[in-house]
């Protein structure tokens, strides 16, 4: 059985923590920031834990 290749796009967007959680960047933080409140932009800056329903698919793409 051959090894699974890592999906490079997923590897760039998702980080695995030391405890095995998957972290991703929040959406809506790249442009049109003048209309967004400071509170909203501050929340966008923080990383987000990937929801449980997506974790299996992303782990498969990462080859884990």
C-alpha atoms as a PDB file:
ATOM      1  CA  UNK A   1       0.000   0.000   0.000  1.00  0.00           C
ATOM      2  CA  UNK A   2       1.579   3.358  -1.010  1.00  0.00           C
ATOM      3  CA  UNK A   3       1.875   6.276   1.362  1.00  0.00           C
ATOM      4  CA  UNK A   4      -0.663   9.112   1.174  1.00  0.00           C
ATOM      5  CA  UNK A   5       0.638  12.435  -0.072  1.00  0.00           C
ATOM      6  CA  UNK A   6       0.066  15.576   1.963  1.00  0.00           C
ATOM      7  CA  UNK A   7      -2.302  18.076   0.332  1.00  0.00           C
ATOM      8  CA  UNK A   8      -0.088  21.164   0.111  1.00  0.00           C
ATOM      9  CA  UNK A   9      -2.952  23.688   0.100  1.00  0.00           C
ATOM     10  CA  UNK A  10      -4.307  22.253   3.335  1.00  0.00           C
ATOM     11  CA  UNK A  11      -0.835  22.156   4.864  1.00  0.00           C
ATOM     12  CA  UNK A  12      -0.470  25.918   4.267  1.00  0.00           C
ATOM     13  CA  UNK A  13      -3.855  26.761   5.793  1.00  0.00           C
ATOM     14  CA  UNK A  14      -4.155  24.390   8.774  1.00  0.00           C
ATOM     15  CA  UNK A  15      -1.709  23.974  11.651  1.00  0.00           C
ATOM     16  CA  UNK A  16      -1.624  21.020  14.041  1.00  0.00           C
ATOM     17  CA  UNK A  17      -0.994  21.898  17.701  1.00  0.00           C
ATOM     18  CA  UNK A  18       1.136  19.838  20.083  1.00  0.00           C
ATOM     19  CA  UNK A  19      -2.029  18.281  21.537  1.00  0.00           C
ATOM     20  CA  UNK A  20      -3.306  17.344  18.067  1.00  0.00           C
ATOM     21  CA  UNK A  21      -5.937  20.064  17.541  1.00  0.00           C
ATOM     22  CA  UNK A  22      -6.295  21.629  14.102  1.00  0.00           C
ATOM     23  CA  UNK A  23      -6.120  25.430  13.960  1.00  0.00           C
ATOM     24  CA  UNK A  24      -7.111  27.659  11.037  1.00  0.00           C
ATOM     25  CA  UNK A  25      -7.261  31.368  10.249  1.00  0.00           C
ATOM     26  CA  UNK A  26     -10.678  33.031  10.436  1.00  0.00           C
ATOM     27  CA  UNK A  27     -12.355  34.292   7.281  1.00  0.00           C
ATOM     28  CA  UNK A  28     -13.136  37.929   6.299  1.00  0.00           C
ATOM     29  CA  UNK A  29      -9.839  39.438   7.498  1.00  0.00           C
ATOM     30  CA  UNK A  30      -8.040  40.244   4.266  1.00  0.00           C
ATOM     31  CA  UNK A  31      -9.800  43.273   2.741  1.00  0.00           C
ATOM     32  CA  UNK A  32     -12.665  45.786   3.187  1.00  0.00           C
ATOM     33  CA  UNK A  33     -11.586  46.322   6.788  1.00  0.00           C
ATOM     34  CA  UNK A  34     -12.673  49.970   7.127  1.00  0.00           C
ATOM     35  CA  UNK A  35     -16.349  49.085   7.498  1.00  0.00           C
ATOM     36  CA  UNK A  36     -15.658  46.405  10.135  1.00  0.00           C
ATOM     37  CA  UNK A  37     -15.559  47.406  13.788  1.00  0.00           C
ATOM     38  CA  UNK A  38     -12.358  47.195  15.817  1.00  0.00           C
ATOM     39  CA  UNK A  39     -13.933  44.498  17.985  1.00  0.00           C
ATOM     40  CA  UNK A  40     -14.772  42.376  14.935  1.00  0.00           C
ATOM     41  CA  UNK A  41     -11.283  42.819  13.431  1.00  0.00           C
ATOM     42  CA  UNK A  42      -9.672  41.825  16.735  1.00  0.00           C
ATOM     43  CA  UNK A  43     -11.715  38.603  16.782  1.00  0.00           C
ATOM     44  CA  UNK A  44     -10.760  37.871  13.157  1.00  0.00           C
ATOM     45  CA  UNK A  45      -7.046  38.065  14.043  1.00  0.00           C
ATOM     46  CA  UNK A  46      -7.233  35.118  16.429  1.00  0.00           C
ATOM     47  CA  UNK A  47      -6.907  31.549  15.171  1.00  0.00           C
ATOM     48  CA  UNK A  48      -9.863  29.200  15.356  1.00  0.00           C
ATOM     49  CA  UNK A  49     -10.080  25.493  16.237  1.00  0.00           C
ATOM     50  CA  UNK A  50     -11.473  23.508  13.305  1.00  0.00           C
ATOM     51  CA  UNK A  51     -14.934  22.075  14.054  1.00  0.00           C
ATOM     52  CA  UNK A  52     -15.222  18.343  14.750  1.00  0.00           C
ATOM     53  CA  UNK A  53     -17.144  17.560  11.560  1.00  0.00           C
ATOM     54  CA  UNK A  54     -14.257  18.837   9.379  1.00  0.00           C
ATOM     55  CA  UNK A  55     -11.366  17.393  11.385  1.00  0.00           C
ATOM     56  CA  UNK A  56     -11.450  13.888   9.907  1.00  0.00           C
ATOM     57  CA  UNK A  57     -11.403  15.178   6.338  1.00  0.00           C
ATOM     58  CA  UNK A  58      -8.567  17.602   7.044  1.00  0.00           C
ATOM     59  CA  UNK A  59      -6.488  14.977   8.872  1.00  0.00           C
ATOM     60  CA  UNK A  60      -6.855  12.701   5.846  1.00  0.00           C
ATOM     61  CA  UNK A  61      -5.643  15.521   3.561  1.00  0.00           C
ATOM     62  CA  UNK A  62      -2.700  16.155   5.887  1.00  0.00           C
ATOM     63  CA  UNK A  63      -1.754  12.472   5.807  1.00  0.00           C
ATOM     64  CA  UNK A  64      -2.311  11.897   9.539  1.00  0.00           C
END
